[in-house]
C-alpha atoms as a PDB file:
ATOM      1  CA  MET A   1       3.859  -9.961 -16.143  1.00  0.00           C
ATOM      2  CA  LEU A   2       2.052  -7.572 -13.817  1.00  0.00           C
ATOM      3  CA  ILE A   3      -1.637  -6.674 -13.717  1.00  0.00           C
ATOM      4  CA  ILE A   4      -2.827  -3.460 -12.078  1.00  0.00           C
ATOM      5  CA  PHE A   5      -6.531  -4.004 -11.440  1.00  0.00           C
ATOM      6  CA  CYS A   6      -8.870  -1.146 -10.552  1.00  0.00           C
ATOM      7  CA  PRO A   7     -12.404  -2.168  -9.538  1.00  0.00           C
ATOM      8  CA  THR A   8     -14.367   1.041  -9.036  1.00  0.00           C
ATOM      9  CA  VAL A   9     -17.815   2.471  -8.416  1.00  0.00           C
ATOM     10  CA  GLN A  10     -18.726   5.152 -10.929  1.00  0.00           C
ATOM     11  CA  ALA A  11     -18.128   8.801 -10.001  1.00  0.00           C
ATOM     12  CA  THR A  12     -15.432   8.001  -7.441  1.00  0.00           C
ATOM     13  CA  GLY A  13     -12.321   9.079  -9.357  1.00  0.00           C
ATOM     14  CA  THR A  14     -12.106   6.248 -11.882  1.00  0.00           C
ATOM     15  CA  MET A  15     -10.682   8.330 -14.720  1.00  0.00           C
ATOM     16  CA  PHE A  16      -8.350  10.168 -12.337  1.00  0.00           C
ATOM     17  CA  LEU A  17      -6.792   6.857 -11.307  1.00  0.00           C
ATOM     18  CA  LEU A  18      -6.711   5.266 -14.754  1.00  0.00           C
ATOM     19  CA  ASN A  19      -5.175   8.366 -16.335  1.00  0.00           C
ATOM     20  CA  PHE A  20      -2.480   8.336 -13.665  1.00  0.00           C
ATOM     21  CA  PHE A  21      -1.649   4.689 -14.249  1.00  0.00           C
ATOM     22  CA  GLU A  22      -1.658   5.181 -18.019  1.00  0.00           C
ATOM     23  CA  LEU A  23       0.896   7.933 -17.501  1.00  0.00           C
ATOM     24  CA  ILE A  24       3.015   5.674 -15.284  1.00  0.00           C
ATOM     25  CA  THR A  25       2.835   2.488 -17.377  1.00  0.00           C
ATOM     26  CA  GLY A  26       2.591   3.962 -20.868  1.00  0.00           C
ATOM     27  CA  ASN A  27      -0.280   1.567 -21.581  1.00  0.00           C
ATOM     28  CA  LYS A  28      -4.006   2.142 -22.087  1.00  0.00           C
ATOM     29  CA  ASP A  29      -6.453   0.560 -19.685  1.00  0.00           C
ATOM     30  CA  VAL A  30      -8.848  -2.168 -20.820  1.00  0.00           C
ATOM     31  CA  SER A  31     -12.086  -3.389 -19.283  1.00  0.00           C
ATOM     32  CA  LEU A  32     -12.187  -6.682 -17.417  1.00  0.00           C
ATOM     33  CA  PRO A  33     -14.397  -8.362 -20.074  1.00  0.00           C
ATOM     34  CA  HIS A  34     -11.958  -7.253 -22.784  1.00  0.00           C
ATOM     35  CA  ALA A  35      -8.988  -8.591 -20.814  1.00  0.00           C
ATOM     36  CA  LEU A  36     -10.711 -11.949 -20.258  1.00  0.00           C
ATOM     37  CA  ASN A  37     -11.527 -12.259 -23.963  1.00  0.00           C
ATOM     38  CA  GLU A  38      -8.330 -10.893 -25.491  1.00  0.00           C
ATOM     39  CA  GLY A  39      -5.701 -11.755 -22.912  1.00  0.00           C
ATOM     40  CA  PHE A  40      -2.796  -9.639 -21.699  1.00  0.00           C
ATOM     41  CA  LYS A  41      -0.420  -8.004 -24.135  1.00  0.00           C
ATOM     42  CA  HIS A  42       2.024  -5.993 -22.021  1.00  0.00           C
ATOM     43  CA  GLU A  43       4.568  -6.468 -19.312  1.00  0.00           C
ATOM     44  CA  VAL A  44       2.347  -4.242 -17.155  1.00  0.00           C
ATOM     45  CA  ASN A  45      -1.391  -4.464 -17.891  1.00  0.00           C
ATOM     46  CA  LEU A  46      -3.988  -1.983 -16.629  1.00  0.00           C
ATOM     47  CA  VAL A  47      -7.491  -3.418 -16.161  1.00  0.00           C
ATOM     48  CA  HIS A  48     -10.646  -1.885 -14.687  1.00  0.00           C
ATOM     49  CA  ILE A  49     -14.299  -2.658 -14.106  1.00  0.00           C
ATOM     50  CA  HIS A  50     -17.204  -0.671 -12.708  1.00  0.00           C
ATOM     51  CA  VAL A  51     -18.645  -2.552  -9.749  1.00  0.00           C
ATOM     52  CA  GLU A  52     -22.440  -2.454  -9.777  1.00  0.00           C
ATOM     53  CA  TRP A  53     -24.900  -3.994  -7.363  1.00  0.00           C
ATOM     54  CA  GLY A  54     -26.058  -7.234  -8.965  1.00  0.00           C
ATOM     55  CA  GLY A  55     -24.046  -6.384 -12.065  1.00  0.00           C
ATOM     56  CA  GLY A  56     -22.359  -9.756 -12.422  1.00  0.00           C
ATOM     57  CA  TYR A  57     -18.706 -10.616 -13.034  1.00  0.00           C
ATOM     58  CA  PHE A  58     -18.196 -11.157  -9.301  1.00  0.00           C
ATOM     59  CA  PRO A  59     -16.327 -14.488  -9.723  1.00  0.00           C
ATOM     60  CA  GLN A  60     -14.177 -12.958 -12.453  1.00  0.00           C
ATOM     61  CA  ILE A  61     -13.479  -9.899 -10.289  1.00  0.00           C
ATOM     62  CA  ASN A  62     -12.339 -12.155  -7.443  1.00  0.00           C
ATOM     63  CA  GLN A  63     -10.099 -14.165  -9.771  1.00  0.00           C
ATOM     64  CA  MET A  64      -8.555 -11.006 -11.192  1.00  0.00           C
ATOM     65  CA  CYS A  65      -7.965  -9.539  -7.735  1.00  0.00           C
ATOM     66  CA  ALA A  66      -6.185 -12.702  -6.631  1.00  0.00           C
ATOM     67  CA  ARG A  67      -3.540 -12.295  -9.337  1.00  0.00           C
ATOM     68  CA  SER A  68      -3.240  -8.498  -9.446  1.00  0.00           C
ATOM     69  CA  HIS A  69      -2.017  -5.368  -7.746  1.00  0.00           C
ATOM     70  CA  VAL A  70      -5.416  -4.000  -6.670  1.00  0.00           C
ATOM     71  CA  VAL A  71      -6.005  -0.255  -6.323  1.00  0.00           C
ATOM     72  CA  ILE A  72      -9.429   1.291  -5.667  1.00  0.00           C
ATOM     73  CA  PRO A  73     -10.285   4.980  -6.008  1.00  0.00           C
ATOM     74  CA  ILE A  74     -12.789   6.041  -3.405  1.00  0.00           C
ATOM     75  CA  ARG A  75     -14.961   9.045  -2.697  1.00  0.00           C
ATOM     76  CA  ASP A  76     -17.717   9.866  -0.233  1.00  0.00           C
ATOM     77  CA  PRO A  77     -20.486   7.461  -1.373  1.00  0.00           C
ATOM     78  CA  LEU A  78     -23.060  10.230  -1.057  1.00  0.00           C
ATOM     79  CA  ALA A  79     -21.185  12.285  -3.668  1.00  0.00           C
ATOM     80  CA  SER A  80     -21.397   9.350  -6.073  1.00  0.00           C
ATOM     81  CA  VAL A  81     -25.095   8.874  -5.322  1.00  0.00           C
ATOM     82  CA  VAL A  82     -25.679  12.595  -5.901  1.00  0.00           C
ATOM     83  CA  ARG A  83     -24.019  12.355  -9.303  1.00  0.00           C
ATOM     84  CA  CYS A  84     -26.108   9.317 -10.162  1.00  0.00           C
ATOM     85  CA  GLY A  85     -29.278  11.074  -9.026  1.00  0.00           C
ATOM     86  CA  ALA A  86     -28.598  13.897 -11.457  1.00  0.00           C
ATOM     87  CA  VAL A  87     -28.458  11.661 -14.529  1.00  0.00           C
ATOM     88  CA  GLN A  88     -30.188   8.369 -13.716  1.00  0.00           C
ATOM     89  CA  THR A  89     -33.476   6.972 -12.405  1.00  0.00           C
ATOM     90  CA  PRO A  90     -34.182   6.658  -8.655  1.00  0.00           C
ATOM     91  CA  GLU A  91     -33.596   2.903  -8.916  1.00  0.00           C
ATOM     92  CA  TRP A  92     -30.073   3.552 -10.183  1.00  0.00           C
ATOM     93  CA  SER A  93     -29.338   5.812  -7.221  1.00  0.00           C
ATOM     94  CA  VAL A  94     -30.336   3.063  -4.797  1.00  0.00           C
ATOM     95  CA  SER A  95     -28.241   0.563  -6.727  1.00  0.00           C
ATOM     96  CA  ARG A  96     -25.287   2.961  -6.701  1.00  0.00           C
ATOM     97  CA  ALA A  97     -25.444   3.197  -2.918  1.00  0.00           C
ATOM     98  CA  LYS A  98     -25.523  -0.600  -2.606  1.00  0.00           C
ATOM     99  CA  SER A  99     -22.565  -0.920  -4.958  1.00  0.00           C
ATOM    100  CA  PHE A 100     -20.299   0.386  -2.209  1.00  0.00           C
ATOM    101  CA  LEU A 101     -21.100  -2.736  -0.192  1.00  0.00           C
ATOM    102  CA  GLU A 102     -19.741  -4.891  -3.000  1.00  0.00           C
ATOM    103  CA  LEU A 103     -16.727  -2.631  -3.401  1.00  0.00           C
ATOM    104  CA  MET A 104     -15.991  -2.906   0.317  1.00  0.00           C
ATOM    105  CA  VAL A 105     -16.127  -6.717   0.198  1.00  0.00           C
ATOM    106  CA  ILE A 106     -13.738  -6.787  -2.763  1.00  0.00           C
ATOM    107  CA  GLY A 107     -11.321  -4.294  -1.246  1.00  0.00           C
ATOM    108  CA  GLU A 108     -11.154  -5.916   2.170  1.00  0.00           C
ATOM    109  CA  ALA A 109     -10.907  -9.476   0.849  1.00  0.00           C
ATOM    110  CA  PHE A 110      -7.892  -8.687  -1.299  1.00  0.00           C
ATOM    111  CA  ASN A 111      -6.105  -6.026   0.760  1.00  0.00           C
ATOM    112  CA  ALA A 112      -6.655  -3.379  -1.885  1.00  0.00           C
ATOM    113  CA  ILE A 113      -4.885  -0.049  -1.672  1.00  0.00           C
ATOM    114  CA  TYR A 114      -7.392   2.815  -1.538  1.00  0.00           C
ATOM    115  CA  LEU A 115      -6.950   6.270  -3.018  1.00  0.00           C
ATOM    116  CA  PRO A 116      -9.478   8.702  -1.460  1.00  0.00           C
ATOM    117  CA  VAL A 117      -9.388  11.293  -4.218  1.00  0.00           C
ATOM    118  CA  ASP A 118     -11.750  13.787  -2.573  1.00  0.00           C
ATOM    119  CA  LEU A 119      -9.980  13.751   0.797  1.00  0.00           C
ATOM    120  CA  LEU A 120      -6.582  14.189  -0.801  1.00  0.00           C
ATOM    121  CA  ALA A 121      -7.793  17.090  -2.954  1.00  0.00           C
ATOM    122  CA  SER A 122      -7.798  19.322   0.131  1.00  0.00           C
ATOM    123  CA  GLN A 123      -4.531  18.019   1.594  1.00  0.00           C
ATOM    124  CA  SER A 124      -0.954  19.102   1.071  1.00  0.00           C
ATOM    125  CA  PHE A 125       1.230  18.310  -1.911  1.00  0.00           C
ATOM    126  CA  GLY A 126       3.296  16.061   0.335  1.00  0.00           C
ATOM    127  CA  LYS A 127       0.286  13.990   1.397  1.00  0.00           C
ATOM    128  CA  ARG A 128      -0.859  13.607  -2.197  1.00  0.00           C
ATOM    129  CA  PHE A 129       2.632  12.659  -3.372  1.00  0.00           C
ATOM    130  CA  GLU A 130       2.899  10.053  -0.594  1.00  0.00           C
ATOM    131  CA  ALA A 131      -0.509   8.587  -1.503  1.00  0.00           C
ATOM    132  CA  LEU A 132       0.413   8.259  -5.182  1.00  0.00           C
ATOM    133  CA  ASN A 133       3.710   6.600  -4.337  1.00  0.00           C
ATOM    134  CA  ASN A 134       1.842   4.216  -2.059  1.00  0.00           C
ATOM    135  CA  ILE A 135      -0.359   2.883  -4.871  1.00  0.00           C
ATOM    136  CA  LEU A 136       2.539   2.172  -7.229  1.00  0.00           C
ATOM    137  CA  PRO A 137       3.566  -1.480  -7.675  1.00  0.00           C
ATOM    138  CA  ASP A 138       6.965  -2.460  -6.290  1.00  0.00           C
ATOM    139  CA  ILE A 139       8.564  -2.503  -9.746  1.00  0.00           C
ATOM    140  CA  TYR A 140       8.232   1.287  -9.806  1.00  0.00           C
ATOM    141  CA  GLU A 141       9.833   1.823  -6.406  1.00  0.00           C
ATOM    142  CA  GLY A 142      12.192   4.753  -6.663  1.00  0.00           C
ATOM    143  CA  LYS A 143      11.114   5.428 -10.243  1.00  0.00           C
ATOM    144  CA  LYS A 144       8.555   7.717 -11.895  1.00  0.00           C
ATOM    145  CA  LYS A 145       8.841  10.220  -9.061  1.00  0.00           C
ATOM    146  CA  TYR A 146       8.716  13.132 -11.451  1.00  0.00           C
ATOM    147  CA  LEU A 147       5.330  11.892 -12.738  1.00  0.00           C
ATOM    148  CA  CYS A 148       4.014  11.524  -9.202  1.00  0.00           C
ATOM    149  CA  ASN A 149       5.248  15.042  -8.521  1.00  0.00           C
ATOM    150  CA  GLU A 150       3.346  16.387 -11.501  1.00  0.00           C
ATOM    151  CA  TRP A 151       0.134  14.509 -10.683  1.00  0.00           C
ATOM    152  CA  ALA A 152       0.257  15.414  -6.992  1.00  0.00           C
ATOM    153  CA  TYR A 153       0.733  19.075  -7.855  1.00  0.00           C
ATOM    154  CA  LYS A 154      -2.087  19.280 -10.409  1.00  0.00           C
ATOM    155  CA  TRP A 155      -4.450  16.721  -8.801  1.00  0.00           C
ATOM    156  CA  PRO A 156      -6.578  16.827 -11.974  1.00  0.00           C
ATOM    157  CA  ILE A 157      -9.988  15.727 -10.755  1.00  0.00           C
ATOM    158  CA  HIS A 158     -12.726  16.128 -13.348  1.00  0.00           C
ATOM    159  CA  ASN A 159     -15.592  17.708 -11.445  1.00  0.00           C
ATOM    160  CA  GLY A 160     -17.879  18.051 -14.445  1.00  0.00           C
ATOM    161  CA  ARG A 161     -20.666  20.532 -14.865  1.00  0.00           C
ATOM    162  CA  SER A 162     -22.662  22.200 -12.125  1.00  0.00           C
ATOM    163  CA  TYR A 163     -26.143  20.953 -11.293  1.00  0.00           C
ATOM    164  CA  ASP A 164     -28.663  21.437  -8.497  1.00  0.00           C
ATOM    165  CA  LEU A 165     -27.928  18.266  -6.525  1.00  0.00           C
ATOM    166  CA  LYS A 166     -24.208  18.931  -6.663  1.00  0.00           C
ATOM    167  CA  GLN A 167     -24.778  22.391  -5.205  1.00  0.00           C
ATOM    168  CA  LEU A 168     -26.885  20.884  -2.409  1.00  0.00           C
ATOM    169  CA  TYR A 169     -24.024  18.520  -1.613  1.00  0.00           C
ATOM    170  CA  GLN A 170     -21.463  21.313  -1.607  1.00  0.00           C
ATOM    171  CA  ASP A 171     -23.759  23.357   0.642  1.00  0.00           C
ATOM    172  CA  LYS A 172     -24.160  20.341   2.985  1.00  0.00           C
ATOM    173  CA  ASN A 173     -27.928  20.669   2.722  1.00  0.00           C
ATOM    174  CA  VAL A 174     -28.880  17.518   4.624  1.00  0.00           C
ATOM    175  CA  LYS A 175     -32.585  18.402   4.658  1.00  0.00           C
ATOM    176  CA  GLU A 176     -32.830  18.316   0.866  1.00  0.00           C
ATOM    177  CA  LEU A 177     -30.275  15.561   0.301  1.00  0.00           C
ATOM    178  CA  SER A 178     -32.175  13.237   2.628  1.00  0.00           C
ATOM    179  CA  ASN A 179     -34.956  13.112   0.018  1.00  0.00           C
ATOM    180  CA  LEU A 180     -32.555  11.741  -2.555  1.00  0.00           C
ATOM    181  CA  PRO A 181     -33.071   8.104  -3.616  1.00  0.00           C
ATOM    182  CA  GLY A 182     -30.090   6.238  -2.206  1.00  0.00           C
ATOM    183  CA  TRP A 183     -29.867   8.317   0.997  1.00  0.00           C
ATOM    184  CA  ASP A 184     -31.928   5.821   3.000  1.00  0.00           C
ATOM    185  CA  THR A 185     -29.855   2.974   1.572  1.00  0.00           C
ATOM    186  CA  LEU A 186     -26.663   4.588   2.841  1.00  0.00           C
ATOM    187  CA  ILE A 187     -28.263   5.169   6.250  1.00  0.00           C
ATOM    188  CA  GLU A 188     -29.453   1.556   6.432  1.00  0.00           C
ATOM    189  CA  ASN A 189     -25.918   0.334   5.786  1.00  0.00           C
ATOM    190  CA  LYS A 190     -24.096   2.953   7.840  1.00  0.00           C
ATOM    191  CA  SER A 191     -23.028   0.443  10.505  1.00  0.00           C
ATOM    192  CA  ILE A 192     -21.191  -1.515   7.799  1.00  0.00           C
ATOM    193  CA  LEU A 193     -19.865   1.279   5.604  1.00  0.00           C
ATOM    194  CA  GLN A 194     -18.839   3.817   8.245  1.00  0.00           C
ATOM    195  CA  PRO A 195     -16.103   1.719   9.945  1.00  0.00           C
ATOM    196  CA  TRP A 196     -14.655   0.835   6.536  1.00  0.00           C
ATOM    197  CA  LEU A 197     -14.619   4.451   5.382  1.00  0.00           C
ATOM    198  CA  GLU A 198     -13.129   5.595   8.688  1.00  0.00           C
ATOM    199  CA  ARG A 199     -10.234   3.177   8.212  1.00  0.00           C
ATOM    200  CA  ILE A 200      -9.613   4.834   4.834  1.00  0.00           C
ATOM    201  CA  GLY A 201      -9.567   8.241   6.516  1.00  0.00           C
ATOM    202  CA  TYR A 202     -13.081   9.690   6.250  1.00  0.00           C
ATOM    203  CA  ARG A 203     -14.637  11.575   9.150  1.00  0.00           C
ATOM    204  CA  ASP A 204     -18.029  13.188   9.802  1.00  0.00           C
ATOM    205  CA  LEU A 205     -19.695  12.548   6.461  1.00  0.00           C
ATOM    206  CA  LEU A 206     -23.119  14.169   6.049  1.00  0.00           C
ATOM    207  CA  TRP A 207     -25.042  10.891   6.127  1.00  0.00           C
ATOM    208  CA  TRP A 208     -23.401   9.804   9.373  1.00  0.00           C
ATOM    209  CA  GLU A 209     -25.171  12.494  11.391  1.00  0.00           C
END
């Protein structure tokens, strides 16, 4: 039995990754609490959880990582904070920023494979195809290439509706974005988060200036 486990922070490409793995495995994803309560029913099981600062389940997340093929979708943390700021309270935006610290600890402790969905969106088909092949478990080596081809070509990120904060982010309006709850939290933790994100492939993010 194989478990593909996807711990994620919200608004980082969660559905993009889960939809891809559902296509590959033919199985629906289940939440970590559901998996712990109901057990595993397939040869290949797809499990996810949203990592939240102080949200609990940390011991269970660690246990699941230790027995799983761990893949984490990632996106510029500021983009996730911007999305949170459009729909949640200021406190949630701060918490969202801190959640990336927990995600980093999980990913580094268990040698997770990262999929930077926003970086890859602007790269070539070949780079996207290579990245998708890289996150597949070994049992799929040499298989499912036609599905990776399709996904790499379409790269179906759900960007959602337009809103003011999103436009500020797209315009790289640092002056206005710096007033966003969560901005200061990212800045305060830049010395921790920046080296991690650089290893994944990020460069010159707005909040690093």
